[in-house]
Protein backbone atom coordinates (compact mmCIF):
# COMPACT_ATOMS: atom_id res chain seq x y z
CA UNK A 1 -22.10 -15.65 4.84
CA UNK A 2 -25.17 -16.08 7.07
CA UNK A 3 -27.36 -13.00 7.37
CA UNK A 4 -26.52 -12.87 11.01
CA UNK A 5 -22.84 -12.52 10.58
CA UNK A 6 -23.43 -10.05 7.63
CA UNK A 7 -25.55 -7.72 10.02
CA UNK A 8 -22.65 -7.86 12.59
CA UNK A 9 -19.94 -7.27 10.13
CA UNK A 10 -21.73 -4.26 8.78
CA UNK A 11 -22.33 -3.10 12.21
CA UNK A 12 -18.92 -3.63 13.02
CA UNK A 13 -17.61 -1.82 9.98
CA UNK A 14 -19.86 1.20 10.45
CA UNK A 15 -18.54 1.46 14.10
CA UNK A 16 -15.22 2.00 12.45
CA UNK A 17 -16.54 5.50 11.63
CA UNK A 18 -16.25 6.63 15.30
CA UNK A 19 -12.54 5.51 15.69
CA UNK A 20 -9.54 7.83 15.07
CA UNK A 21 -7.92 5.35 12.62
CA UNK A 22 -4.48 5.63 11.53
CA UNK A 23 -2.87 4.68 8.16
CA UNK A 24 -0.25 4.92 6.01
CA UNK A 25 -1.73 -2.26 -20.52
CA UNK A 26 -1.05 -5.19 -21.68
CA UNK A 27 -3.68 -7.16 -23.49
CA UNK A 28 -6.43 -4.56 -22.99
CA UNK A 29 -7.67 -1.43 -24.75
CA UNK A 30 -7.46 0.25 -21.41
CA UNK A 31 -10.66 2.40 -22.36
CA UNK A 32 -13.43 0.17 -20.68
CA UNK A 33 -14.95 -0.38 -24.24
CA UNK A 34 -14.45 -4.22 -24.39
CA UNK A 35 -17.60 -6.05 -25.02
CA UNK A 36 -18.81 -8.23 -22.09
CA UNK A 37 -21.80 -9.06 -19.99
CA UNK A 38 -22.34 -5.30 -19.33
CA UNK A 39 -22.87 -3.18 -22.33
CA UNK A 40 -20.02 -0.50 -21.68
CA UNK A 41 -20.01 0.72 -25.29
CA UNK A 42 -23.71 1.54 -25.05
CA UNK A 43 -23.40 3.31 -21.72
CA UNK A 44 -20.53 5.39 -23.01
CA UNK A 45 -22.57 6.60 -25.83
CA UNK A 46 -25.63 7.35 -23.84
CA UNK A 47 -23.48 9.28 -21.24
CA UNK A 48 -24.17 10.41 -17.64
CA UNK A 49 -22.43 11.41 -14.58
CA UNK A 50 -19.90 9.35 -12.55
CA UNK A 51 -18.76 10.41 -9.22
CA UNK A 52 -15.47 9.32 -8.09
CA UNK A 53 -14.10 9.62 -4.32
CA UNK A 54 -10.39 9.71 -4.44
CA UNK A 55 -7.72 11.87 -2.96
CA UNK A 56 -4.86 10.85 -5.38
CA UNK A 57 -3.88 14.06 -7.43
CA UNK A 58 -2.88 12.56 -10.75
CA UNK A 59 -6.56 11.48 -11.32
CA UNK A 60 -7.49 15.01 -11.96
CA UNK A 61 -5.93 14.85 -15.25
CA UNK A 62 -7.22 11.39 -16.01
CA UNK A 63 -10.90 12.58 -15.33
CA UNK A 64 -10.27 15.48 -17.67
CA UNK A 65 -8.83 13.16 -20.48
CA UNK A 66 -11.66 10.75 -19.94
CA UNK A 67 -14.23 13.57 -20.40
CA UNK A 68 -12.66 14.59 -23.65
CA UNK A 69 -12.62 11.04 -24.98
CA UNK A 70 -16.12 10.44 -24.00
CA UNK A 71 -17.71 14.02 -23.97
CA UNK A 72 -21.25 12.76 -22.95
CA UNK A 73 -19.73 11.36 -19.67
CA UNK A 74 -19.14 13.73 -16.84
CA UNK A 75 -16.66 12.65 -14.02
CA UNK A 76 -17.25 14.30 -10.79
CA UNK A 77 -14.05 13.93 -8.80
CA UNK A 78 -14.57 14.45 -5.03
CA UNK A 79 -11.92 14.47 -2.25
CA UNK A 80 -13.88 12.94 0.60
CA UNK A 81 -10.83 12.79 2.80
CA UNK A 82 -7.60 10.74 2.83
CA UNK A 83 -7.38 7.08 3.84
CA UNK A 84 -9.41 6.52 7.02
CA UNK A 85 -11.37 9.68 6.58
CA UNK A 86 -12.88 8.65 3.32
CA UNK A 87 -13.41 5.02 4.47
CA UNK A 88 -15.50 6.51 7.43
CA UNK A 89 -17.44 8.50 4.98
CA UNK A 90 -17.81 5.82 2.62
CA UNK A 91 -19.01 3.41 5.14
CA UNK A 92 -21.42 5.74 6.65
CA UNK A 93 -23.01 6.33 3.02
CA UNK A 94 -23.05 2.45 2.41
CA UNK A 95 -24.85 1.94 5.79
CA UNK A 96 -27.36 4.70 5.00
CA UNK A 97 -28.24 3.28 1.67
CA UNK A 98 -27.57 6.57 -0.09
CA UNK A 99 -24.83 9.11 -0.95
CA UNK A 100 -22.22 6.54 -2.01
CA UNK A 101 -19.99 7.29 -5.04
CA UNK A 102 -19.80 5.43 -8.17
CA UNK A 103 -15.99 4.75 -7.91
CA UNK A 104 -13.94 4.99 -4.68
CA UNK A 105 -10.22 4.76 -3.87
CA UNK A 106 -9.28 2.28 -1.53
CA UNK A 107 -5.95 1.25 -0.33
CA UNK A 108 -5.10 -2.56 -0.51
CA UNK A 109 -4.88 -2.96 3.22
CA UNK A 110 -8.31 -1.67 3.60
CA UNK A 111 -10.11 -3.47 0.48
CA UNK A 112 -11.07 -6.44 2.77
CA UNK A 113 -13.20 -4.34 5.17
CA UNK A 114 -15.49 -3.50 2.30
CA UNK A 115 -15.35 -6.94 0.17
CA UNK A 116 -16.05 -9.05 2.98
CA UNK A 117 -19.31 -7.06 3.79
CA UNK A 118 -20.13 -7.23 0.01
CA UNK A 119 -19.99 -3.52 0.03
CA UNK A 120 -18.04 -3.32 -3.22
CA UNK A 121 -19.20 -4.67 -6.54
CA UNK A 122 -17.35 -7.83 -7.96
CA UNK A 123 -15.77 -6.82 -11.20
CA UNK A 124 -15.22 -10.12 -12.59
CA UNK A 125 -18.50 -10.03 -14.71
CA UNK A 126 -16.84 -7.16 -16.77
CA UNK A 127 -14.47 -9.61 -18.03
CA UNK A 128 -11.64 -8.41 -15.82
CA UNK A 129 -10.16 -11.78 -15.70
CA UNK A 130 -8.39 -10.84 -19.02
CA UNK A 131 -6.51 -8.41 -17.07
CA UNK A 132 -4.63 -10.83 -14.82
CA UNK A 133 -1.49 -10.42 -16.77
CA UNK A 134 -1.80 -6.56 -17.01
CA UNK A 135 -0.84 -5.93 -13.42
CA UNK A 136 2.16 -6.93 -11.45
CA UNK A 137 1.66 -9.82 -8.96
CA UNK A 138 1.46 -7.79 -5.61
CA UNK A 139 -1.20 -5.46 -6.57
CA UNK A 140 -3.16 -8.07 -8.43
CA UNK A 141 -3.21 -10.40 -5.61
CA UNK A 142 -4.36 -7.61 -3.30
CA UNK A 143 -7.58 -6.95 -5.36
CA UNK A 144 -8.51 -10.59 -6.30
CA UNK A 145 -9.85 -13.48 -4.13
CA UNK A 146 -10.27 -16.68 -6.02
CA UNK A 147 -12.40 -15.69 -8.89
CA UNK A 148 -13.72 -12.39 -7.58
CA UNK A 149 -12.07 -9.07 -8.63
CA UNK A 150 -12.88 -6.37 -5.78
CA UNK A 151 -11.09 -3.67 -7.47
CA UNK A 152 -8.52 -2.83 -10.13
CA UNK A 153 -5.13 -1.62 -9.00
CA UNK A 154 -4.19 1.94 -9.37
CA UNK A 155 -0.54 2.02 -8.24
CA UNK A 156 1.93 0.01 -6.12
CA UNK A 157 4.72 0.29 -3.67
CA UNK A 158 7.31 -2.28 -4.01
CA UNK A 159 10.03 -1.70 -1.49
CA UNK A 160 13.58 -0.42 -1.82
CA UNK A 161 16.23 0.75 0.47
CA UNK A 162 16.73 4.64 0.10
CA UNK A 163 20.27 5.42 1.59
CA UNK A 164 22.16 8.52 2.20
CA UNK A 165 25.33 7.76 0.00
CA UNK A 166 27.16 11.03 1.35
CA UNK A 167 26.86 9.49 4.78
CA UNK A 168 27.80 6.15 3.90
CA UNK A 169 30.84 7.28 1.92
CA UNK A 170 32.02 9.60 4.63
CA UNK A 171 32.22 6.94 6.90
CA UNK A 172 33.36 4.17 4.54
CA UNK A 173 30.19 1.83 5.04
CA UNK A 174 29.28 -0.43 2.25
CA UNK A 175 25.48 -0.51 1.47
CA UNK A 176 24.09 -3.57 3.23
CA UNK A 177 22.64 -6.32 1.09
CA UNK A 178 21.39 -8.42 4.03
CA UNK A 179 19.70 -7.46 7.21
CA UNK A 180 22.60 -8.74 9.25
CA UNK A 181 24.81 -6.37 7.36
CA UNK A 182 22.26 -3.53 8.02
CA UNK A 183 22.54 -4.13 11.75
CA UNK A 184 26.46 -3.91 11.42
CA UNK A 185 26.25 -0.83 9.14
CA UNK A 186 23.84 0.74 11.82
CA UNK A 187 26.46 -0.05 14.50
CA UNK A 188 29.28 1.42 12.57
CA UNK A 189 27.56 4.58 11.64
CA UNK A 190 26.34 5.35 15.06
CA UNK A 191 29.68 4.56 16.62
CA UNK A 192 31.51 7.04 14.40
CA UNK A 193 28.84 9.61 14.89
CA UNK A 194 26.33 9.11 17.64
CA UNK A 195 24.07 11.49 16.00
CA UNK A 196 23.37 9.21 12.93
CA UNK A 197 20.75 6.69 13.25
CA UNK A 198 20.27 3.85 10.60
CA UNK A 199 16.47 4.69 10.21
CA UNK A 200 13.84 6.01 12.10
CA UNK A 201 10.68 3.96 13.75
CA UNK A 202 8.12 4.95 16.54
CA UNK A 203 5.94 2.00 15.47
CA UNK A 204 4.02 1.92 12.24
CA UNK A 205 1.66 -0.92 11.30
CA UNK A 206 2.30 -0.52 7.42
CA UNK A 207 6.03 -0.64 7.95
CA UNK A 208 6.03 -3.50 10.39
CA UNK A 209 3.64 -5.83 8.48
CA UNK A 210 5.75 -4.90 5.06
CA UNK A 211 8.96 -6.30 6.55
CA UNK A 212 7.24 -9.27 7.97
CA UNK A 213 5.83 -10.01 4.73
CA UNK A 214 9.46 -9.74 3.13
CA UNK A 215 10.85 -11.96 5.80
CA UNK A 216 8.43 -14.61 4.73
CA UNK A 217 5.95 -14.15 7.68
CA UNK A 218 2.31 -14.72 6.85
CA UNK A 219 0.55 -13.79 9.96
CA UNK A 220 -2.80 -13.37 8.41
CA UNK A 221 -5.13 -16.03 6.68
CA UNK A 222 -8.55 -15.31 5.65
CA UNK A 223 -11.18 -17.23 3.65
CA UNK A 224 -14.71 -15.66 4.07
CA UNK A 225 -15.40 -15.25 7.88
CA UNK A 226 -12.73 -17.94 8.76
CA UNK A 227 -9.65 -15.95 10.01
CA UNK A 228 -6.36 -16.83 11.52
CA UNK A 229 -3.91 -14.50 13.19
CA UNK A 230 -0.43 -15.69 14.11
CA UNK A 231 2.69 -13.64 14.76
CA UNK A 232 4.74 -16.54 15.94
CA UNK A 233 5.73 -17.86 12.53
CA UNK A 234 9.43 -18.18 11.50
CA UNK A 235 9.27 -15.07 9.22
CA UNK A 236 7.97 -12.84 11.83
CA UNK A 237 10.49 -13.92 14.05
CA UNK A 238 13.30 -13.11 11.71
CA UNK A 239 11.99 -9.57 11.78
CA UNK A 240 11.49 -9.19 15.34
CA UNK A 241 14.98 -10.76 16.41
CA UNK A 242 16.75 -8.01 13.84
CA UNK A 243 14.68 -5.10 14.66
CA UNK A 244 14.88 -5.88 18.56
CA UNK A 245 18.74 -5.60 18.22
CA UNK A 246 18.33 -2.22 16.55
CA UNK A 247 15.99 -1.07 19.36
CA UNK A 248 17.92 -2.49 22.17
CA UNK A 249 21.16 -0.82 20.91
CA UNK A 250 19.40 2.53 20.29
CA UNK A 251 20.32 2.40 16.63
CA UNK A 252 16.82 3.59 15.52
CA UNK A 253 15.82 7.32 15.80
CA UNK A 254 12.75 7.64 17.98
CA UNK A 255 11.32 10.04 15.44
CA UNK A 256 7.75 9.63 13.74
CA UNK A 257 7.63 9.53 9.88
CA UNK A 258 6.12 12.57 8.18
CA UNK A 259 7.10 14.76 11.14
CA UNK A 260 9.19 17.97 10.77
CA UNK A 261 11.81 16.31 12.74
CA UNK A 262 11.84 13.20 10.32
CA UNK A 263 12.25 15.68 7.15
CA UNK A 264 15.01 17.43 9.13
CA UNK A 265 16.89 14.03 9.91
CA UNK A 266 16.55 12.94 6.23
CA UNK A 267 18.01 16.36 5.27
CA UNK A 268 21.05 16.45 7.65
CA UNK A 269 21.78 12.98 7.28
CA UNK A 270 20.99 11.80 10.92
CA UNK A 271 18.55 9.40 9.51
CA UNK A 272 20.71 7.35 7.15
CA UNK A 273 18.00 4.93 5.36
CA UNK A 274 14.71 4.30 4.66
CA UNK A 275 13.07 1.05 3.89
CA UNK A 276 9.86 2.11 2.14
CA UNK A 277 7.63 1.98 -1.08
CA UNK A 278 8.62 2.95 -4.62
CA UNK A 279 6.38 6.02 -4.34
CA UNK A 280 8.71 7.83 -1.96
CA UNK A 281 11.05 9.79 -4.49
CA UNK A 282 8.49 12.37 -5.07
CA UNK A 283 8.44 13.09 -1.37
CA UNK A 284 12.05 13.35 -1.18
CA UNK A 285 12.21 15.87 -4.01
CA UNK A 286 9.31 18.21 -2.38
CA UNK A 287 10.13 17.51 1.26
CA UNK A 288 13.94 17.13 1.45
CA UNK A 289 15.07 19.31 -1.42
CA UNK A 290 18.37 20.36 0.38
CA UNK A 291 19.56 16.74 0.29
CA UNK A 292 19.36 16.44 -3.52
CA UNK A 293 22.27 14.42 -4.86
CA UNK A 294 22.92 12.86 -1.29
CA UNK A 295 20.61 10.13 -1.61
CA UNK A 296 20.70 6.88 -3.63
CA UNK A 297 18.26 3.57 -4.23
CA UNK A 298 19.33 0.17 -3.61
CA UNK A 299 17.51 -3.22 -3.48
CA UNK A 300 15.87 -3.97 -0.06
CA UNK A 301 18.34 -5.88 2.15
CA UNK A 302 17.75 -9.78 2.16
CA UNK A 303 16.98 -12.02 5.12
CA UNK A 304 18.96 -14.64 3.45
CA UNK A 305 21.97 -13.83 1.43
CA UNK A 306 21.57 -14.32 -2.30
CA UNK A 307 17.70 -13.86 -2.49
CA UNK A 308 15.84 -11.18 -4.08
CA UNK A 309 12.55 -11.13 -2.20
CA UNK A 310 10.56 -7.86 -1.66
CA UNK A 311 7.15 -6.77 -0.26
CA UNK A 312 4.74 -4.03 -0.90
CA UNK A 313 4.45 -1.08 1.15
CA UNK A 314 1.33 1.08 0.31
CA UNK A 315 -0.81 1.35 -2.83
CA UNK A 316 -4.22 1.88 -3.75
CA UNK A 317 -6.97 0.43 -5.94
CA UNK A 318 -10.23 1.71 -7.61
CA UNK A 319 -13.58 -0.07 -6.56
CA UNK A 320 -17.01 0.33 -7.25
CA UNK A 321 -19.42 0.47 -4.28
CA UNK A 322 -22.27 -1.98 -4.61
CA UNK A 323 -24.65 0.88 -4.49
CA UNK A 324 -23.09 2.61 -7.62
CA UNK A 325 -25.71 4.29 -9.61
CA UNK A 326 -24.04 4.21 -12.92
CA UNK A 327 -22.16 0.81 -12.89
CA UNK A 328 -21.20 0.53 -16.82
CA UNK A 329 -19.64 4.07 -16.73
CA UNK A 330 -18.02 3.48 -13.27
CA UNK A 331 -16.32 0.36 -14.75
CA UNK A 332 -15.25 2.18 -17.79
CA UNK A 333 -13.54 4.82 -15.77
CA UNK A 334 -11.81 2.42 -13.48
CA UNK A 335 -10.49 0.51 -16.22
CA UNK A 336 -9.49 3.68 -18.07
CA UNK A 337 -7.76 5.19 -14.95
CA UNK A 338 -5.87 1.98 -14.21
CA UNK A 339 -4.59 0.82 -17.45
CA UNK A 340 -3.51 2.01 -21.12
CA UNK A 341 -3.69 5.73 -21.43
CA UNK A 342 -4.80 6.57 -17.90
CA UNK A 343 -2.22 4.59 -16.25
CA UNK A 344 0.28 5.92 -18.64
CA UNK A 345 -0.84 9.46 -17.69
CA UNK A 346 -0.50 8.93 -14.04
CA UNK A 347 3.02 7.48 -14.36
CA UNK A 348 4.00 10.52 -16.38
CA UNK A 349 2.84 12.47 -13.32
CA UNK A 350 4.73 10.64 -11.11
CA UNK A 351 2.66 7.58 -9.60
CA UNK A 352 4.49 4.39 -9.69
CA UNK A 353 2.68 2.01 -11.92
CA UNK A 354 1.04 -1.23 -11.10
CA UNK A 355 1.00 -2.32 -14.76
CA UNK A 356 3.46 -4.16 -16.25
CA UNK A 357 3.64 -2.56 -19.69
CA UNK A 358 4.42 0.82 -18.03
CA UNK A 359 6.80 -0.86 -15.57
CA UNK A 360 8.72 -2.49 -18.36
CA UNK A 361 8.76 0.54 -20.84
CA UNK A 362 12.35 1.76 -22.04
CA UNK A 363 11.27 5.35 -21.11
CA UNK A 364 10.23 4.31 -17.62
CA UNK A 365 13.16 2.24 -16.78
CA UNK A 366 15.70 4.70 -18.19
CA UNK A 367 14.30 7.74 -16.60
CA UNK A 368 17.25 9.70 -14.50
CA UNK A 369 16.46 10.96 -11.20
CA UNK A 370 18.24 14.29 -10.63
CA UNK A 371 17.53 13.91 -6.90
CA UNK A 372 19.51 10.68 -6.81
CA UNK A 373 22.42 11.99 -8.66
CA UNK A 374 20.86 10.90 -12.14
CA UNK A 375 20.42 7.29 -10.92
CA UNK A 376 17.78 5.26 -13.08
CA UNK A 377 16.15 4.27 -9.83
CA UNK A 378 13.15 2.80 -11.65
CA UNK A 379 15.32 -0.15 -12.56
CA UNK A 380 15.58 -1.13 -9.02
CA UNK A 381 11.88 -0.51 -8.27
CA UNK A 382 10.77 -2.42 -11.39
CA UNK A 383 13.14 -5.42 -10.13
CA UNK A 384 11.48 -5.14 -6.77
CA UNK A 385 8.03 -5.26 -8.18
CA UNK A 386 8.83 -8.71 -9.98
CA UNK A 387 9.93 -10.17 -6.79
CA UNK A 388 7.39 -9.39 -4.37
CA UNK A 389 6.58 -12.43 -2.00
CA UNK A 390 3.38 -14.34 -2.76
CA UNK A 391 0.57 -15.32 -0.49
CA UNK A 392 0.43 -12.47 1.63
CA UNK A 393 -3.09 -11.62 3.16
CA UNK A 394 -4.51 -8.78 5.14
CA UNK A 395 -7.56 -9.21 7.70
CA UNK A 396 -10.65 -8.19 6.43
CA UNK A 397 -10.88 -5.71 9.47
CA UNK A 398 -7.29 -4.54 8.93
CA UNK A 399 -8.38 -0.94 9.26
CA UNK A 400 -9.34 -1.65 13.00
CA UNK A 401 -6.26 -3.73 13.56
CA UNK A 402 -3.91 -1.00 12.45
CA UNK A 403 -5.75 1.52 14.57
CA UNK A 404 -4.81 -0.34 17.91
CA UNK A 405 -1.13 -1.07 16.60
CA UNK A 406 0.38 1.72 18.80
CA UNK A 407 -1.72 0.49 21.93
CA UNK A 408 0.05 -2.87 21.51
CA UNK A 409 3.19 -3.07 19.51
CA UNK A 410 3.94 0.57 19.90
CA UNK A 411 4.51 0.03 23.70
CA UNK A 412 7.94 -1.74 22.74
CA UNK A 413 9.06 1.60 21.23
CA UNK A 414 8.63 3.52 24.55
CA UNK A 415 9.34 0.99 27.17
CA UNK A 416 11.32 -2.29 27.79
CA UNK A 417 8.67 -4.45 26.48
CA UNK A 418 9.95 -6.92 23.71
CA UNK A 419 8.67 -6.27 20.21
CA UNK A 420 7.56 -9.92 20.03
CA UNK A 421 5.51 -9.49 23.07
CA UNK A 422 3.89 -6.41 21.35
CA UNK A 423 3.06 -8.35 18.30
CA UNK A 424 1.56 -11.01 20.61
CA UNK A 425 -0.89 -8.53 22.27
CA UNK A 426 -1.56 -7.11 18.90
CA UNK A 427 -2.48 -10.70 17.83
CA UNK A 428 -4.68 -11.06 20.75
CA UNK A 429 -6.54 -7.89 20.30
CA UNK A 430 -7.14 -8.61 16.70
CA UNK A 431 -8.48 -11.97 17.62
CA UNK A 432 -10.77 -10.84 20.23
CA UNK A 433 -12.20 -8.07 17.92
CA UNK A 434 -12.54 -10.44 15.16
CA UNK A 435 -14.58 -12.93 17.42
CA UNK A 436 -16.68 -10.10 18.69
CA UNK A 437 -17.61 -9.12 15.21
CA UNK A 438 -18.64 -12.74 14.06
CA UNK A 439 -15.61 -14.02 12.56
CA UNK A 440 -14.42 -17.48 13.37
CA UNK A 441 -10.86 -16.69 14.36
CA UNK A 442 -7.83 -19.13 15.20
CA UNK A 443 -4.32 -18.55 15.76
């Protein structure tokens, strides 16, 4: 990366601070004590303080347990805001050259923003390559680039179909196994009861890109400052053609996710399904308690009958800002929190694992979910994690791209503008922005 491009990228990323961004142990000790080019053991013995910026609640116990294991190390856990709010604060601290934490939670889609500007440490020198079989494919691919390891996966979000069994049974509709069947189920349910919509959607960048991912679309390609954006590939067309039918026939509830209306729709059955990440069960239990027993989990419908391909929807990593003051201790905490005892602790608290060992454990797979009628839903999620489509990439400025999603694709949800045209407008906006910031962008 040339100095000029680096300055432009850092300036561009700093400019994101002013935007109102939108979102959504296997083979390792798991305690960060393995010998390597960095003397982790000596640092743990000497002690010190590690500042961790994260909003994920399960890390509180992990930090306490880490402190008990290494009493000379103090972990200062700080909630600097969720998602984009933390990224803004983190980028401001990095740009200022002071105030950055030793460890930061960064979602997979946003990691490229920091790695391209070399704002996070490459963890490969800490012998992280030995962890390549520890994590499931989707999360590991999200944090690695060639030989570089930009962070360690903290959790994952393999997608599944959550469906209201009570609604489907009442109207004699079979659970769809393909997206064509999904469209037919939507038509049948809505015809039998016009108050029922197959799902909700008012335009969501994360949900859209996840379904394009599952359909085989690979709209983003990135190598350093060389970027390609193309929403005209065959996989993307599969998604747009199917979703356009649902929009045209008004089979999707015009309700925003996480709104009060959304929770009500999930509770009363007017929203019949959700295609979303495996982290969703806790949200059902806490936010839609009245519908306990009504919902079940099934594999995500397929674009081609007989296939088993899924995608990721959500998930975070733990990264080390390049300016971290206590790098050895920071790495020790990162590995502890994402593998071995730390990962097991988070799973026990309800997090969905990115580690193969936890994902394949008998206790995890056989865990009954009372909310889903006692179903062992983790078997569905674990299979989904093993079948995430490979080769997916995000833009190194995906945070910005997602922030303009509703200005482009979102118009297809409030007007007669075709979804494909909205994606083309999003593509154009992403290309223009990339070029303005010093990337070489093609389509």
